[in-house]
Amino acid sequence: MYIQNCLYNLEGVMDKIPVGISSCLAGQPVRHDGGHRHSRYCTDTLGEYFSLHPFCPENGAGMPTPRPAMHLVEHGEAVR
């Protein structure tokens, strides 16, 4: 509700502000398991005020969907 009140004054003054959003939050099945984490708050509520531009860094880096889950482990002082 707060975001709606803040952005109310911008209506009619400017186009929607472009904002990057994770593809899985936008409902695209790009997660490692082939699923998504669609957020209706992001797409329905915030989408009224912002121009949403979905992207998936993992797919952009060439990783397939689905793909094996990534596991980070400590190796000495480094994380791999």
N, C-alpha and C. Protein backbone atom coordinates (compact mmCIF):
# COMPACT_ATOMS: atom_id res chain seq x y z
N MET A 1 0.82 -1.19 0.00
CA MET A 1 0.00 0.00 0.00
C MET A 1 0.87 1.26 0.00
N TYR A 2 1.98 1.21 0.74
CA TYR A 2 2.87 2.37 0.83
C TYR A 2 3.40 2.77 -0.55
N ILE A 3 3.83 1.76 -1.34
CA ILE A 3 4.37 2.06 -2.67
C ILE A 3 3.32 2.71 -3.55
N GLN A 4 2.07 2.28 -3.41
CA GLN A 4 0.99 2.87 -4.21
C GLN A 4 0.81 4.34 -3.85
N ASN A 5 0.86 4.67 -2.56
CA ASN A 5 0.70 6.06 -2.14
C ASN A 5 1.86 6.92 -2.62
N CYS A 6 3.07 6.39 -2.57
CA CYS A 6 4.25 7.14 -3.01
C CYS A 6 4.22 7.41 -4.50
N LEU A 7 3.78 6.43 -5.27
CA LEU A 7 3.82 6.56 -6.73
C LEU A 7 2.59 7.22 -7.31
N TYR A 8 1.57 7.45 -6.51
CA TYR A 8 0.34 8.06 -7.00
C TYR A 8 0.63 9.40 -7.65
N ASN A 9 1.54 10.17 -7.08
CA ASN A 9 1.85 11.50 -7.61
C ASN A 9 2.56 11.45 -8.95
N LEU A 10 3.10 10.30 -9.33
CA LEU A 10 3.81 10.19 -10.61
C LEU A 10 2.88 9.88 -11.78
N GLU A 11 1.64 9.48 -11.49
CA GLU A 11 0.72 9.09 -12.56
C GLU A 11 0.50 10.27 -13.50
N GLY A 12 0.59 10.01 -14.79
CA GLY A 12 0.37 11.02 -15.80
C GLY A 12 1.55 11.95 -16.01
N VAL A 13 2.54 11.89 -15.14
CA VAL A 13 3.69 12.77 -15.25
C VAL A 13 4.79 12.13 -16.10
N MET A 14 4.95 10.83 -15.97
CA MET A 14 6.02 10.16 -16.69
C MET A 14 5.59 8.73 -17.04
N ASP A 15 6.30 8.13 -17.98
CA ASP A 15 6.06 6.73 -18.31
C ASP A 15 6.47 5.87 -17.13
N LYS A 16 6.10 4.61 -17.21
CA LYS A 16 6.49 3.68 -16.15
C LYS A 16 8.01 3.58 -16.08
N ILE A 17 8.52 3.52 -14.88
CA ILE A 17 9.96 3.41 -14.66
C ILE A 17 10.39 1.98 -14.98
N PRO A 18 11.40 1.78 -15.83
CA PRO A 18 11.86 0.42 -16.13
C PRO A 18 12.61 -0.19 -14.94
N VAL A 19 12.25 -1.43 -14.63
CA VAL A 19 12.85 -2.14 -13.50
C VAL A 19 13.15 -3.57 -13.91
N GLY A 20 14.35 -4.06 -13.61
CA GLY A 20 14.68 -5.46 -13.85
C GLY A 20 14.07 -6.33 -12.77
N ILE A 21 13.60 -7.49 -13.17
CA ILE A 21 12.99 -8.43 -12.23
C ILE A 21 13.46 -9.84 -12.60
N SER A 22 13.70 -10.65 -11.62
CA SER A 22 14.09 -12.03 -11.87
C SER A 22 13.00 -12.72 -12.69
N SER A 23 13.40 -13.44 -13.72
CA SER A 23 12.43 -14.13 -14.58
C SER A 23 11.55 -15.08 -13.79
N CYS A 24 12.11 -15.75 -12.78
CA CYS A 24 11.30 -16.70 -12.01
C CYS A 24 10.23 -15.97 -11.21
N LEU A 25 10.50 -14.75 -10.73
CA LEU A 25 9.48 -13.97 -10.02
C LEU A 25 8.40 -13.49 -10.97
N ALA A 26 8.76 -13.34 -12.24
CA ALA A 26 7.78 -12.93 -13.25
C ALA A 26 6.95 -14.11 -13.74
N GLY A 27 7.23 -15.31 -13.23
CA GLY A 27 6.44 -16.49 -13.58
C GLY A 27 7.01 -17.35 -14.68
N GLN A 28 8.21 -17.05 -15.14
CA GLN A 28 8.82 -17.85 -16.19
C GLN A 28 9.52 -19.07 -15.56
N PRO A 29 9.35 -20.25 -16.16
CA PRO A 29 9.92 -21.48 -15.59
C PRO A 29 11.41 -21.63 -15.88
N VAL A 30 12.23 -20.85 -15.18
CA VAL A 30 13.68 -20.85 -15.44
C VAL A 30 14.50 -21.30 -14.23
N ARG A 31 13.86 -21.69 -13.14
CA ARG A 31 14.62 -22.13 -11.97
C ARG A 31 15.35 -23.43 -12.26
N HIS A 32 16.31 -23.77 -11.41
CA HIS A 32 17.12 -24.97 -11.63
C HIS A 32 16.27 -26.22 -11.77
N ASP A 33 15.10 -26.25 -11.12
CA ASP A 33 14.23 -27.43 -11.20
C ASP A 33 13.18 -27.31 -12.29
N GLY A 34 13.27 -26.27 -13.11
CA GLY A 34 12.31 -26.06 -14.19
C GLY A 34 11.04 -25.35 -13.75
N GLY A 35 11.01 -24.93 -12.51
CA GLY A 35 9.83 -24.24 -11.98
C GLY A 35 10.00 -22.73 -11.98
N HIS A 36 9.12 -22.06 -11.24
CA HIS A 36 9.16 -20.61 -11.10
C HIS A 36 8.77 -20.25 -9.67
N ARG A 37 8.88 -19.02 -9.32
CA ARG A 37 8.44 -18.49 -8.02
C ARG A 37 7.63 -17.22 -8.29
N HIS A 38 6.59 -17.36 -9.11
CA HIS A 38 5.80 -16.21 -9.52
C HIS A 38 5.32 -15.40 -8.32
N SER A 39 5.58 -14.12 -8.36
CA SER A 39 5.13 -13.20 -7.31
C SER A 39 4.07 -12.29 -7.90
N ARG A 40 2.83 -12.53 -7.53
CA ARG A 40 1.73 -11.68 -8.02
C ARG A 40 1.87 -10.25 -7.51
N TYR A 41 2.48 -10.08 -6.35
CA TYR A 41 2.72 -8.72 -5.86
C TYR A 41 3.61 -7.97 -6.84
N CYS A 42 4.67 -8.64 -7.31
CA CYS A 42 5.58 -8.00 -8.26
C CYS A 42 4.88 -7.72 -9.59
N THR A 43 4.26 -8.75 -10.17
CA THR A 43 3.71 -8.58 -11.51
C THR A 43 2.41 -7.79 -11.53
N ASP A 44 1.53 -8.02 -10.56
CA ASP A 44 0.23 -7.36 -10.58
C ASP A 44 0.25 -5.98 -9.92
N THR A 45 0.81 -5.90 -8.72
CA THR A 45 0.79 -4.63 -7.99
C THR A 45 1.88 -3.68 -8.50
N LEU A 46 3.14 -4.12 -8.43
CA LEU A 46 4.22 -3.25 -8.88
C LEU A 46 4.19 -3.04 -10.38
N GLY A 47 3.68 -4.04 -11.12
CA GLY A 47 3.58 -3.92 -12.57
C GLY A 47 2.67 -2.79 -13.03
N GLU A 48 1.78 -2.33 -12.15
CA GLU A 48 0.93 -1.18 -12.49
C GLU A 48 1.74 0.10 -12.57
N TYR A 49 2.85 0.16 -11.85
CA TYR A 49 3.62 1.38 -11.74
C TYR A 49 4.98 1.33 -12.42
N PHE A 50 5.49 0.12 -12.64
CA PHE A 50 6.80 -0.04 -13.24
C PHE A 50 6.71 -0.87 -14.51
N SER A 51 7.62 -0.63 -15.43
CA SER A 51 7.76 -1.46 -16.63
C SER A 51 8.75 -2.57 -16.27
N LEU A 52 8.24 -3.78 -16.08
CA LEU A 52 9.06 -4.90 -15.61
C LEU A 52 9.79 -5.56 -16.77
N HIS A 53 11.09 -5.78 -16.60
CA HIS A 53 11.93 -6.40 -17.61
C HIS A 53 12.58 -7.65 -17.01
N PRO A 54 11.96 -8.84 -17.25
CA PRO A 54 12.48 -10.07 -16.66
C PRO A 54 13.85 -10.46 -17.23
N PHE A 55 14.70 -11.01 -16.38
CA PHE A 55 15.98 -11.55 -16.82
C PHE A 55 16.38 -12.68 -15.89
N CYS A 56 17.16 -13.60 -16.42
CA CYS A 56 17.67 -14.72 -15.63
C CYS A 56 19.18 -14.79 -15.85
N PRO A 57 19.97 -14.42 -14.86
CA PRO A 57 21.42 -14.44 -15.02
C PRO A 57 21.97 -15.82 -15.36
N GLU A 58 21.39 -16.88 -14.76
CA GLU A 58 21.87 -18.23 -15.03
C GLU A 58 21.64 -18.61 -16.49
N ASN A 59 20.47 -18.35 -17.02
CA ASN A 59 20.20 -18.65 -18.42
C ASN A 59 21.05 -17.76 -19.33
N GLY A 60 21.23 -16.51 -18.92
CA GLY A 60 22.06 -15.59 -19.70
C GLY A 60 23.51 -16.04 -19.77
N ALA A 61 23.95 -16.78 -18.75
CA ALA A 61 25.32 -17.31 -18.73
C ALA A 61 25.42 -18.64 -19.46
N GLY A 62 24.30 -19.10 -20.03
CA GLY A 62 24.31 -20.34 -20.80
C GLY A 62 23.94 -21.59 -20.04
N MET A 63 23.53 -21.45 -18.78
CA MET A 63 23.12 -22.64 -18.02
C MET A 63 21.75 -23.10 -18.49
N PRO A 64 21.55 -24.41 -18.59
CA PRO A 64 20.27 -24.93 -19.08
C PRO A 64 19.20 -24.92 -17.98
N THR A 65 17.97 -25.11 -18.40
CA THR A 65 16.84 -25.29 -17.48
C THR A 65 16.12 -26.55 -17.92
N PRO A 66 15.92 -27.52 -17.04
CA PRO A 66 16.43 -27.58 -15.67
C PRO A 66 17.93 -27.86 -15.65
N ARG A 67 18.52 -27.68 -14.48
CA ARG A 67 19.96 -27.90 -14.30
C ARG A 67 20.19 -28.41 -12.88
N PRO A 68 21.31 -29.06 -12.64
CA PRO A 68 21.60 -29.52 -11.28
C PRO A 68 21.68 -28.34 -10.32
N ALA A 69 21.23 -28.54 -9.10
CA ALA A 69 21.31 -27.49 -8.09
C ALA A 69 22.76 -27.20 -7.77
N MET A 70 23.07 -25.95 -7.48
CA MET A 70 24.42 -25.54 -7.15
C MET A 70 24.63 -25.65 -5.64
N HIS A 71 25.76 -26.17 -5.24
CA HIS A 71 26.09 -26.28 -3.82
C HIS A 71 27.43 -25.59 -3.59
N LEU A 72 27.44 -24.58 -2.72
CA LEU A 72 28.67 -23.87 -2.38
C LEU A 72 29.28 -24.51 -1.14
N VAL A 73 30.60 -24.69 -1.17
CA VAL A 73 31.29 -25.27 -0.02
C VAL A 73 32.54 -24.44 0.29
N GLU A 74 32.92 -24.42 1.56
CA GLU A 74 34.14 -23.74 1.96
C GLU A 74 35.33 -24.63 1.65
N HIS A 75 36.35 -24.04 1.06
CA HIS A 75 37.59 -24.75 0.76
C HIS A 75 38.72 -23.85 1.23
N GLY A 76 39.19 -24.10 2.46
CA GLY A 76 40.16 -23.18 3.05
C GLY A 76 39.46 -21.86 3.36
N GLU A 77 39.99 -20.77 2.80
CA GLU A 77 39.36 -19.47 3.00
C GLU A 77 38.45 -19.09 1.84
N ALA A 78 38.37 -19.93 0.85
CA ALA A 78 37.55 -19.63 -0.33
C ALA A 78 36.24 -20.42 -0.29
N VAL A 79 35.27 -19.90 -1.00
CA VAL A 79 34.00 -20.60 -1.18
C VAL A 79 33.90 -20.98 -2.64
N ARG A 80 33.62 -22.26 -2.88
CA ARG A 80 33.53 -22.75 -4.26
C ARG A 80 32.22 -23.45 -4.48
